[in-house]
Amino acid sequence: PISFSIIAVNLDQKQPGFPEHVLPEYLTQLGVDFEV
């Protein structure tokens, strides 16, 4: 019954082999505002 906004934030800690594309693709598909 209230209004609030959401922004998803992922911290890329530069771990070896971290798949950088996964979260941006998933969040874009959802239509969620995000920042890496």
PDB file of all heavy atoms in Angstrom:
ATOM      1  N   PRO A   1       0.806  -1.227   0.000  1.00  0.00           N
ATOM      2  CA  PRO A   1       0.000   0.000   0.000  1.00  0.00           C
ATOM      3  C   PRO A   1       0.838   1.276   0.000  1.00  0.00           C
ATOM      4  O   PRO A   1       0.310   2.370   0.181  1.00  0.00           O
ATOM      5  CB  PRO A   1      -0.799  -0.129   1.305  1.00  0.00           C
ATOM      6  CG  PRO A   1       0.078  -0.931   2.200  1.00  0.00           C
ATOM      7  CD  PRO A   1       0.785  -1.912   1.304  1.00  0.00           C
ATOM      8  N   ILE A   2       2.130   1.133  -0.177  1.00  0.00           N
ATOM      9  CA  ILE A   2       3.033   2.280  -0.239  1.00  0.00           C
ATOM     10  C   ILE A   2       3.796   2.249  -1.558  1.00  0.00           C
ATOM     11  O   ILE A   2       3.813   1.237  -2.259  1.00  0.00           O
ATOM     12  CB  ILE A   2       4.041   2.274   0.938  1.00  0.00           C
ATOM     13  CG1 ILE A   2       4.876   0.980   0.916  1.00  0.00           C
ATOM     14  CG2 ILE A   2       3.328   2.450   2.269  1.00  0.00           C
ATOM     15  CD1 ILE A   2       6.006   0.971   1.937  1.00  0.00           C
ATOM     16  N   SER A   3       4.428   3.365  -1.877  1.00  0.00           N
ATOM     17  CA  SER A   3       5.208   3.456  -3.113  1.00  0.00           C
ATOM     18  C   SER A   3       6.689   3.565  -2.775  1.00  0.00           C
ATOM     19  O   SER A   3       7.086   4.398  -1.952  1.00  0.00           O
ATOM     20  CB  SER A   3       4.761   4.685  -3.916  1.00  0.00           C
ATOM     21  OG  SER A   3       5.570   4.859  -5.061  1.00  0.00           O
ATOM     22  N   PHE A   4       7.490   2.709  -3.369  1.00  0.00           N
ATOM     23  CA  PHE A   4       8.939   2.790  -3.178  1.00  0.00           C
ATOM     24  C   PHE A   4       9.629   2.330  -4.454  1.00  0.00           C
ATOM     25  O   PHE A   4       9.072   1.567  -5.245  1.00  0.00           O
ATOM     26  CB  PHE A   4       9.391   1.956  -1.980  1.00  0.00           C
ATOM     27  CG  PHE A   4       9.153   0.474  -2.102  1.00  0.00           C
ATOM     28  CD1 PHE A   4      10.151  -0.371  -2.599  1.00  0.00           C
ATOM     29  CD2 PHE A   4       7.944  -0.099  -1.715  1.00  0.00           C
ATOM     30  CE1 PHE A   4       9.954  -1.741  -2.702  1.00  0.00           C
ATOM     31  CE2 PHE A   4       7.728  -1.463  -1.814  1.00  0.00           C
ATOM     32  CZ  PHE A   4       8.730  -2.292  -2.307  1.00  0.00           C
ATOM     33  N   SER A   5      10.836   2.812  -4.667  1.00  0.00           N
ATOM     34  CA  SER A   5      11.593   2.453  -5.859  1.00  0.00           C
ATOM     35  C   SER A   5      12.700   1.468  -5.507  1.00  0.00           C
ATOM     36  O   SER A   5      13.101   1.351  -4.346  1.00  0.00           O
ATOM     37  CB  SER A   5      12.197   3.697  -6.526  1.00  0.00           C
ATOM     38  OG  SER A   5      13.087   4.356  -5.636  1.00  0.00           O
ATOM     39  N   ILE A   6      13.176   0.764  -6.525  1.00  0.00           N
ATOM     40  CA  ILE A   6      14.209  -0.249  -6.340  1.00  0.00           C
ATOM     41  C   ILE A   6      15.332  -0.019  -7.339  1.00  0.00           C
ATOM     42  O   ILE A   6      15.086   0.237  -8.521  1.00  0.00           O
ATOM     43  CB  ILE A   6      13.635  -1.667  -6.550  1.00  0.00           C
ATOM     44  CG1 ILE A   6      12.699  -2.054  -5.402  1.00  0.00           C
ATOM     45  CG2 ILE A   6      14.753  -2.705  -6.690  1.00  0.00           C
ATOM     46  CD1 ILE A   6      11.996  -3.385  -5.606  1.00  0.00           C
ATOM     47  N   ILE A   7      16.552  -0.104  -6.853  1.00  0.00           N
ATOM     48  CA  ILE A   7      17.708  -0.151  -7.748  1.00  0.00           C
ATOM     49  C   ILE A   7      18.603  -1.291  -7.267  1.00  0.00           C
ATOM     50  O   ILE A   7      18.946  -1.372  -6.082  1.00  0.00           O
ATOM     51  CB  ILE A   7      18.491   1.176  -7.792  1.00  0.00           C
ATOM     52  CG1 ILE A   7      19.684   1.041  -8.757  1.00  0.00           C
ATOM     53  CG2 ILE A   7      18.941   1.633  -6.412  1.00  0.00           C
ATOM     54  CD1 ILE A   7      20.344   2.339  -9.122  1.00  0.00           C
ATOM     55  N   ALA A   8      18.914  -2.207  -8.179  1.00  0.00           N
ATOM     56  CA  ALA A   8      19.777  -3.339  -7.834  1.00  0.00           C
ATOM     57  C   ALA A   8      21.230  -2.939  -8.038  1.00  0.00           C
ATOM     58  O   ALA A   8      21.566  -2.289  -9.035  1.00  0.00           O
ATOM     59  CB  ALA A   8      19.431  -4.542  -8.703  1.00  0.00           C
ATOM     60  N   VAL A   9      22.061  -3.322  -7.096  1.00  0.00           N
ATOM     61  CA  VAL A   9      23.490  -2.997  -7.178  1.00  0.00           C
ATOM     62  C   VAL A   9      24.310  -4.262  -6.983  1.00  0.00           C
ATOM     63  O   VAL A   9      24.097  -5.010  -6.033  1.00  0.00           O
ATOM     64  CB  VAL A   9      23.886  -1.953  -6.121  1.00  0.00           C
ATOM     65  CG1 VAL A   9      25.414  -1.813  -6.054  1.00  0.00           C
ATOM     66  CG2 VAL A   9      23.261  -0.604  -6.434  1.00  0.00           C
ATOM     67  N   ASN A  10      25.213  -4.491  -7.907  1.00  0.00           N
ATOM     68  CA  ASN A  10      26.151  -5.602  -7.784  1.00  0.00           C
ATOM     69  C   ASN A  10      27.561  -5.057  -7.665  1.00  0.00           C
ATOM     70  O   ASN A  10      27.940  -4.122  -8.392  1.00  0.00           O
ATOM     71  CB  ASN A  10      26.059  -6.535  -8.986  1.00  0.00           C
ATOM     72  CG  ASN A  10      27.197  -7.561  -9.015  1.00  0.00           C
ATOM     73  OD1 ASN A  10      28.112  -7.484  -9.826  1.00  0.00           O
ATOM     74  ND2 ASN A  10      27.159  -8.520  -8.095  1.00  0.00           N
ATOM     75  N   LEU A  11      28.315  -5.634  -6.743  1.00  0.00           N
ATOM     76  CA  LEU A  11      29.714  -5.247  -6.585  1.00  0.00           C
ATOM     77  C   LEU A  11      30.589  -6.280  -7.267  1.00  0.00           C
ATOM     78  O   LEU A  11      30.683  -7.426  -6.816  1.00  0.00           O
ATOM     79  CB  LEU A  11      30.066  -5.140  -5.097  1.00  0.00           C
ATOM     80  CG  LEU A  11      31.544  -4.879  -4.763  1.00  0.00           C
ATOM     81  CD1 LEU A  11      32.029  -3.598  -5.435  1.00  0.00           C
ATOM     82  CD2 LEU A  11      31.746  -4.817  -3.251  1.00  0.00           C
ATOM     83  N   ASP A  12      31.208  -5.884  -8.358  1.00  0.00           N
ATOM     84  CA  ASP A  12      32.152  -6.740  -9.067  1.00  0.00           C
ATOM     85  C   ASP A  12      33.506  -6.584  -8.388  1.00  0.00           C
ATOM     86  O   ASP A  12      34.188  -5.573  -8.553  1.00  0.00           O
ATOM     87  CB  ASP A  12      32.225  -6.334 -10.542  1.00  0.00           C
ATOM     88  CG  ASP A  12      33.195  -7.191 -11.354  1.00  0.00           C
ATOM     89  OD1 ASP A  12      33.868  -8.058 -10.753  1.00  0.00           O
ATOM     90  OD2 ASP A  12      33.286  -6.984 -12.575  1.00  0.00           O
ATOM     91  N   GLN A  13      33.890  -7.603  -7.608  1.00  0.00           N
ATOM     92  CA  GLN A  13      35.113  -7.528  -6.815  1.00  0.00           C
ATOM     93  C   GLN A  13      36.348  -8.044  -7.567  1.00  0.00           C
ATOM     94  O   GLN A  13      37.388  -8.244  -6.978  1.00  0.00           O
ATOM     95  CB  GLN A  13      34.922  -8.308  -5.519  1.00  0.00           C
ATOM     96  CG  GLN A  13      33.811  -7.744  -4.650  1.00  0.00           C
ATOM     97  CD  GLN A  13      33.559  -8.588  -3.409  1.00  0.00           C
ATOM     98  OE1 GLN A  13      32.706  -9.470  -3.413  1.00  0.00           O
ATOM     99  NE2 GLN A  13      34.298  -8.315  -2.356  1.00  0.00           N
ATOM    100  N   LYS A  14      36.154  -8.278  -8.840  1.00  0.00           N
ATOM    101  CA  LYS A  14      37.254  -8.706  -9.723  1.00  0.00           C
ATOM    102  C   LYS A  14      37.833 -10.059  -9.325  1.00  0.00           C
ATOM    103  O   LYS A  14      39.057 -10.290  -9.411  1.00  0.00           O
ATOM    104  CB  LYS A  14      38.362  -7.638  -9.766  1.00  0.00           C
ATOM    105  CG  LYS A  14      37.893  -6.317 -10.356  1.00  0.00           C
ATOM    106  CD  LYS A  14      37.290  -6.501 -11.737  1.00  0.00           C
ATOM    107  CE  LYS A  14      36.709  -5.224 -12.306  1.00  0.00           C
ATOM    108  NZ  LYS A  14      36.049  -5.435 -13.622  1.00  0.00           N
ATOM    109  N   GLN A  15      36.963 -10.938  -8.901  1.00  0.00           N
ATOM    110  CA  GLN A  15      37.390 -12.299  -8.632  1.00  0.00           C
ATOM    111  C   GLN A  15      37.675 -13.001  -9.958  1.00  0.00           C
ATOM    112  O   GLN A  15      36.942 -12.813 -10.936  1.00  0.00           O
ATOM    113  CB  GLN A  15      36.305 -13.049  -7.865  1.00  0.00           C
ATOM    114  CG  GLN A  15      35.990 -12.463  -6.506  1.00  0.00           C
ATOM    115  CD  GLN A  15      34.832 -13.185  -5.832  1.00  0.00           C
ATOM    116  OE1 GLN A  15      34.464 -14.277  -6.212  1.00  0.00           O
ATOM    117  NE2 GLN A  15      34.259 -12.563  -4.825  1.00  0.00           N
ATOM    118  N   PRO A  16      38.711 -13.807 -10.019  1.00  0.00           N
ATOM    119  CA  PRO A  16      39.040 -14.519 -11.256  1.00  0.00           C
ATOM    120  C   PRO A  16      37.870 -15.368 -11.743  1.00  0.00           C
ATOM    121  O   PRO A  16      37.251 -16.104 -10.970  1.00  0.00           O
ATOM    122  CB  PRO A  16      40.225 -15.402 -10.848  1.00  0.00           C
ATOM    123  CG  PRO A  16      40.834 -14.705  -9.681  1.00  0.00           C
ATOM    124  CD  PRO A  16      39.688 -14.078  -8.936  1.00  0.00           C
ATOM    125  N   GLY A  17      37.525 -15.240 -12.993  1.00  0.00           N
ATOM    126  CA  GLY A  17      36.459 -16.051 -13.569  1.00  0.00           C
ATOM    127  C   GLY A  17      35.062 -15.537 -13.314  1.00  0.00           C
ATOM    128  O   GLY A  17      34.082 -16.195 -13.666  1.00  0.00           O
ATOM    129  N   PHE A  18      34.943 -14.348 -12.703  1.00  0.00           N
ATOM    130  CA  PHE A  18      33.610 -13.810 -12.432  1.00  0.00           C
ATOM    131  C   PHE A  18      32.894 -13.505 -13.743  1.00  0.00           C
ATOM    132  O   PHE A  18      33.395 -12.748 -14.574  1.00  0.00           O
ATOM    133  CB  PHE A  18      33.721 -12.536 -11.594  1.00  0.00           C
ATOM    134  CG  PHE A  18      32.381 -11.929 -11.227  1.00  0.00           C
ATOM    135  CD1 PHE A  18      31.627 -12.467 -10.207  1.00  0.00           C
ATOM    136  CD2 PHE A  18      31.890 -10.827 -11.917  1.00  0.00           C
ATOM    137  CE1 PHE A  18      30.399 -11.922  -9.867  1.00  0.00           C
ATOM    138  CE2 PHE A  18      30.670 -10.276 -11.585  1.00  0.00           C
ATOM    139  CZ  PHE A  18      29.919 -10.822 -10.558  1.00  0.00           C
ATOM    140  N   PRO A  19      31.710 -14.089 -13.954  1.00  0.00           N
ATOM    141  CA  PRO A  19      30.979 -13.887 -15.214  1.00  0.00           C
ATOM    142  C   PRO A  19      30.278 -12.530 -15.229  1.00  0.00           C
ATOM    143  O   PRO A  19      29.129 -12.395 -14.800  1.00  0.00           O
ATOM    144  CB  PRO A  19      29.980 -15.043 -15.220  1.00  0.00           C
ATOM    145  CG  PRO A  19      29.726 -15.338 -13.776  1.00  0.00           C
ATOM    146  CD  PRO A  19      31.016 -15.037 -13.050  1.00  0.00           C
ATOM    147  N   GLU A  20      30.935 -11.523 -15.737  1.00  0.00           N
ATOM    148  CA  GLU A  20      30.443 -10.151 -15.667  1.00  0.00           C
ATOM    149  C   GLU A  20      29.123  -9.927 -16.409  1.00  0.00           C
ATOM    150  O   GLU A  20      28.384  -8.992 -16.102  1.00  0.00           O
ATOM    151  CB  GLU A  20      31.506  -9.189 -16.216  1.00  0.00           C
ATOM    152  CG  GLU A  20      32.816  -9.213 -15.437  1.00  0.00           C
ATOM    153  CD  GLU A  20      33.849  -8.281 -16.036  1.00  0.00           C
ATOM    154  OE1 GLU A  20      33.518  -7.615 -17.056  1.00  0.00           O
ATOM    155  OE2 GLU A  20      34.971  -8.204 -15.510  1.00  0.00           O
ATOM    156  N   HIS A  21      28.817 -10.786 -17.360  1.00  0.00           N
ATOM    157  CA  HIS A  21      27.635 -10.560 -18.198  1.00  0.00           C
ATOM    158  C   HIS A  21      26.330 -11.041 -17.565  1.00  0.00           C
ATOM    159  O   HIS A  21      25.251 -10.583 -17.949  1.00  0.00           O
ATOM    160  CB  HIS A  21      27.811 -11.290 -19.530  1.00  0.00           C
ATOM    161  CG  HIS A  21      27.860 -12.792 -19.384  1.00  0.00           C
ATOM    162  ND1 HIS A  21      28.974 -13.443 -18.882  1.00  0.00           N
ATOM    163  CD2 HIS A  21      26.933 -13.758 -19.637  1.00  0.00           C
ATOM    164  CE1 HIS A  21      28.737 -14.748 -18.841  1.00  0.00           C
ATOM    165  NE2 HIS A  21      27.500 -14.963 -19.289  1.00  0.00           N
ATOM    166  N   VAL A  22      26.424 -11.961 -16.590  1.00  0.00           N
ATOM    167  CA  VAL A  22      25.230 -12.642 -16.091  1.00  0.00           C
ATOM    168  C   VAL A  22      24.212 -11.688 -15.472  1.00  0.00           C
ATOM    169  O   VAL A  22      23.031 -11.668 -15.853  1.00  0.00           O
ATOM    170  CB  VAL A  22      25.613 -13.737 -15.065  1.00  0.00           C
ATOM    171  CG1 VAL A  22      24.369 -14.310 -14.385  1.00  0.00           C
ATOM    172  CG2 VAL A  22      26.380 -14.850 -15.766  1.00  0.00           C
ATOM    173  N   LEU A  23      24.624 -10.915 -14.495  1.00  0.00           N
ATOM    174  CA  LEU A  23      23.678 -10.045 -13.795  1.00  0.00           C
ATOM    175  C   LEU A  23      23.127  -8.928 -14.676  1.00  0.00           C
ATOM    176  O   LEU A  23      21.911  -8.677 -14.653  1.00  0.00           O
ATOM    177  CB  LEU A  23      24.322  -9.481 -12.534  1.00  0.00           C
ATOM    178  CG  LEU A  23      24.442 -10.482 -11.387  1.00  0.00           C
ATOM    179  CD1 LEU A  23      25.281  -9.921 -10.251  1.00  0.00           C
ATOM    180  CD2 LEU A  23      23.067 -10.865 -10.868  1.00  0.00           C
ATOM    181  N   PRO A  24      23.964  -8.221 -15.454  1.00  0.00           N
ATOM    182  CA  PRO A  24      23.399  -7.199 -16.345  1.00  0.00           C
ATOM    183  C   PRO A  24      22.349  -7.757 -17.306  1.00  0.00           C
ATOM    184  O   PRO A  24      21.311  -7.129 -17.527  1.00  0.00           O
ATOM    185  CB  PRO A  24      24.630  -6.677 -17.100  1.00  0.00           C
ATOM    186  CG  PRO A  24      25.750  -6.883 -16.141  1.00  0.00           C
ATOM    187  CD  PRO A  24      25.441  -8.182 -15.465  1.00  0.00           C
ATOM    188  N   GLU A  25      22.607  -8.941 -17.858  1.00  0.00           N
ATOM    189  CA  GLU A  25      21.636  -9.545 -18.770  1.00  0.00           C
ATOM    190  C   GLU A  25      20.344  -9.901 -18.051  1.00  0.00           C
ATOM    191  O   GLU A  25      19.239  -9.660 -18.561  1.00  0.00           O
ATOM    192  CB  GLU A  25      22.242 -10.793 -19.430  1.00  0.00           C
ATOM    193  CG  GLU A  25      23.342 -10.487 -20.429  1.00  0.00           C
ATOM    194  CD  GLU A  25      23.931 -11.752 -21.047  1.00  0.00           C
ATOM    195  OE1 GLU A  25      23.468 -12.864 -20.676  1.00  0.00           O
ATOM    196  OE2 GLU A  25      24.854 -11.632 -21.875  1.00  0.00           O
ATOM    197  N   TYR A  26      20.476 -10.462 -16.849  1.00  0.00           N
ATOM    198  CA  TYR A  26      19.293 -10.866 -16.076  1.00  0.00           C
ATOM    199  C   TYR A  26      18.461  -9.647 -15.684  1.00  0.00           C
ATOM    200  O   TYR A  26      17.231  -9.635 -15.837  1.00  0.00           O
ATOM    201  CB  TYR A  26      19.748 -11.624 -14.834  1.00  0.00           C
ATOM    202  CG  TYR A  26      18.621 -12.008 -13.903  1.00  0.00           C
ATOM    203  CD1 TYR A  26      17.769 -13.062 -14.194  1.00  0.00           C
ATOM    204  CD2 TYR A  26      18.406 -11.291 -12.712  1.00  0.00           C
ATOM    205  CE1 TYR A  26      16.731 -13.413 -13.329  1.00  0.00           C
ATOM    206  CE2 TYR A  26      17.374 -11.635 -11.855  1.00  0.00           C
ATOM    207  CZ  TYR A  26      16.542 -12.693 -12.173  1.00  0.00           C
ATOM    208  OH  TYR A  26      15.512 -13.024 -11.323  1.00  0.00           O
ATOM    209  N   LEU A  27      19.116  -8.600 -15.187  1.00  0.00           N
ATOM    210  CA  LEU A  27      18.408  -7.416 -14.719  1.00  0.00           C
ATOM    211  C   LEU A  27      17.805  -6.616 -15.867  1.00  0.00           C
ATOM    212  O   LEU A  27      16.723  -6.037 -15.736  1.00  0.00           O
ATOM    213  CB  LEU A  27      19.352  -6.547 -13.889  1.00  0.00           C
ATOM    214  CG  LEU A  27      19.817  -7.182 -12.571  1.00  0.00           C
ATOM    215  CD1 LEU A  27      20.955  -6.387 -11.950  1.00  0.00           C
ATOM    216  CD2 LEU A  27      18.656  -7.299 -11.589  1.00  0.00           C
ATOM    217  N   THR A  28      18.489  -6.603 -16.994  1.00  0.00           N
ATOM    218  CA  THR A  28      17.946  -5.937 -18.178  1.00  0.00           C
ATOM    219  C   THR A  28      16.676  -6.636 -18.648  1.00  0.00           C
ATOM    220  O   THR A  28      15.677  -5.988 -18.994  1.00  0.00           O
ATOM    221  CB  THR A  28      18.980  -5.916 -19.312  1.00  0.00           C
ATOM    222  OG1 THR A  28      20.153  -5.184 -18.876  1.00  0.00           O
ATOM    223  CG2 THR A  28      18.413  -5.255 -20.562  1.00  0.00           C
ATOM    224  N   GLN A  29      16.716  -7.953 -18.614  1.00  0.00           N
ATOM    225  CA  GLN A  29      15.548  -8.738 -19.002  1.00  0.00           C
ATOM    226  C   GLN A  29      14.365  -8.475 -18.067  1.00  0.00           C
ATOM    227  O   GLN A  29      13.209  -8.423 -18.507  1.00  0.00           O
ATOM    228  CB  GLN A  29      15.897 -10.226 -18.999  1.00  0.00           C
ATOM    229  CG  GLN A  29      14.775 -11.139 -19.478  1.00  0.00           C
ATOM    230  CD  GLN A  29      15.195 -12.601 -19.471  1.00  0.00           C
ATOM    231  OE1 GLN A  29      16.311 -12.943 -19.081  1.00  0.00           O
ATOM    232  NE2 GLN A  29      14.300 -13.472 -19.903  1.00  0.00           N
ATOM    233  N   LEU A  30      14.657  -8.293 -16.781  1.00  0.00           N
ATOM    234  CA  LEU A  30      13.607  -8.004 -15.807  1.00  0.00           C
ATOM    235  C   LEU A  30      13.080  -6.576 -15.923  1.00  0.00           C
ATOM    236  O   LEU A  30      11.972  -6.280 -15.480  1.00  0.00           O
ATOM    237  CB  LEU A  30      14.127  -8.203 -14.377  1.00  0.00           C
ATOM    238  CG  LEU A  30      14.179  -9.615 -13.805  1.00  0.00           C
ATOM    239  CD1 LEU A  30      14.670  -9.553 -12.357  1.00  0.00           C
ATOM    240  CD2 LEU A  30      12.835 -10.304 -13.867  1.00  0.00           C
ATOM    241  N   GLY A  31      13.886  -5.702 -16.494  1.00  0.00           N
ATOM    242  CA  GLY A  31      13.511  -4.297 -16.556  1.00  0.00           C
ATOM    243  C   GLY A  31      13.756  -3.557 -15.259  1.00  0.00           C
ATOM    244  O   GLY A  31      13.088  -2.567 -14.956  1.00  0.00           O
ATOM    245  N   VAL A  32      14.730  -4.030 -14.495  1.00  0.00           N
ATOM    246  CA  VAL A  32      15.050  -3.424 -13.199  1.00  0.00           C
ATOM    247  C   VAL A  32      16.214  -2.450 -13.348  1.00  0.00           C
ATOM    248  O   VAL A  32      17.211  -2.758 -14.012  1.00  0.00           O
ATOM    249  CB  VAL A  32      15.429  -4.520 -12.170  1.00  0.00           C
ATOM    250  CG1 VAL A  32      15.875  -3.899 -10.855  1.00  0.00           C
ATOM    251  CG2 VAL A  32      14.247  -5.451 -11.944  1.00  0.00           C
ATOM    252  N   ASP A  33      16.089  -1.281 -12.731  1.00  0.00           N
ATOM    253  CA  ASP A  33      17.213  -0.347 -12.697  1.00  0.00           C
ATOM    254  C   ASP A  33      18.362  -0.985 -11.932  1.00  0.00           C
ATOM    255  O   ASP A  33      18.148  -1.589 -10.879  1.00  0.00           O
ATOM    256  CB  ASP A  33      16.817   0.954 -12.000  1.00  0.00           C
ATOM    257  CG  ASP A  33      15.845   1.784 -12.830  1.00  0.00           C
ATOM    258  OD1 ASP A  33      15.806   1.582 -14.051  1.00  0.00           O
ATOM    259  OD2 ASP A  33      15.126   2.620 -12.240  1.00  0.00           O
ATOM    260  N   PHE A  34      19.571  -0.852 -12.452  1.00  0.00           N
ATOM    261  CA  PHE A  34      20.706  -1.473 -11.768  1.00  0.00           C
ATOM    262  C   PHE A  34      21.993  -0.729 -12.049  1.00  0.00           C
ATOM    263  O   PHE A  34      22.086   0.083 -12.976  1.00  0.00           O
ATOM    264  CB  PHE A  34      20.856  -2.942 -12.192  1.00  0.00           C
ATOM    265  CG  PHE A  34      21.370  -3.147 -13.590  1.00  0.00           C
ATOM    266  CD1 PHE A  34      22.737  -3.288 -13.843  1.00  0.00           C
ATOM    267  CD2 PHE A  34      20.495  -3.193 -14.668  1.00  0.00           C
ATOM    268  CE1 PHE A  34      23.211  -3.487 -15.127  1.00  0.00           C
ATOM    269  CE2 PHE A  34      20.954  -3.390 -15.957  1.00  0.00           C
ATOM    270  CZ  PHE A  34      22.318  -3.539 -16.187  1.00  0.00           C
ATOM    271  N   GLU A  35      22.974  -1.020 -11.216  1.00  0.00           N
ATOM    272  CA  GLU A  35      24.315  -0.483 -11.415  1.00  0.00           C
ATOM    273  C   GLU A  35      25.315  -1.537 -10.969  1.00  0.00           C
ATOM    274  O   GLU A  35      25.123  -2.184  -9.931  1.00  0.00           O
ATOM    275  CB  GLU A  35      24.522   0.805 -10.624  1.00  0.00           C
ATOM    276  CG  GLU A  35      25.929   1.381 -10.783  1.00  0.00           C
ATOM    277  CD  GLU A  35      26.086   2.761 -10.174  1.00  0.00           C
ATOM    278  OE1 GLU A  35      25.125   3.557 -10.251  1.00  0.00           O
ATOM    279  OE2 GLU A  35      27.173   3.050  -9.615  1.00  0.00           O
ATOM    280  N   VAL A  36      26.365  -1.715 -11.739  1.00  0.00           N
ATOM    281  CA  VAL A  36      27.457  -2.607 -11.370  1.00  0.00           C
ATOM    282  C   VAL A  36      28.637  -1.739 -10.929  1.00  0.00           C
ATOM    283  O   VAL A  36      29.118  -0.906 -11.690  1.00  0.00           O
ATOM    284  CB  VAL A  36      27.871  -3.525 -12.535  1.00  0.00           C
ATOM    285  CG1 VAL A  36      29.097  -4.366 -12.135  1.00  0.00           C
ATOM    286  CG2 VAL A  36      26.718  -4.426 -12.944  1.00  0.00           C
TER     287      VAL A  36
END
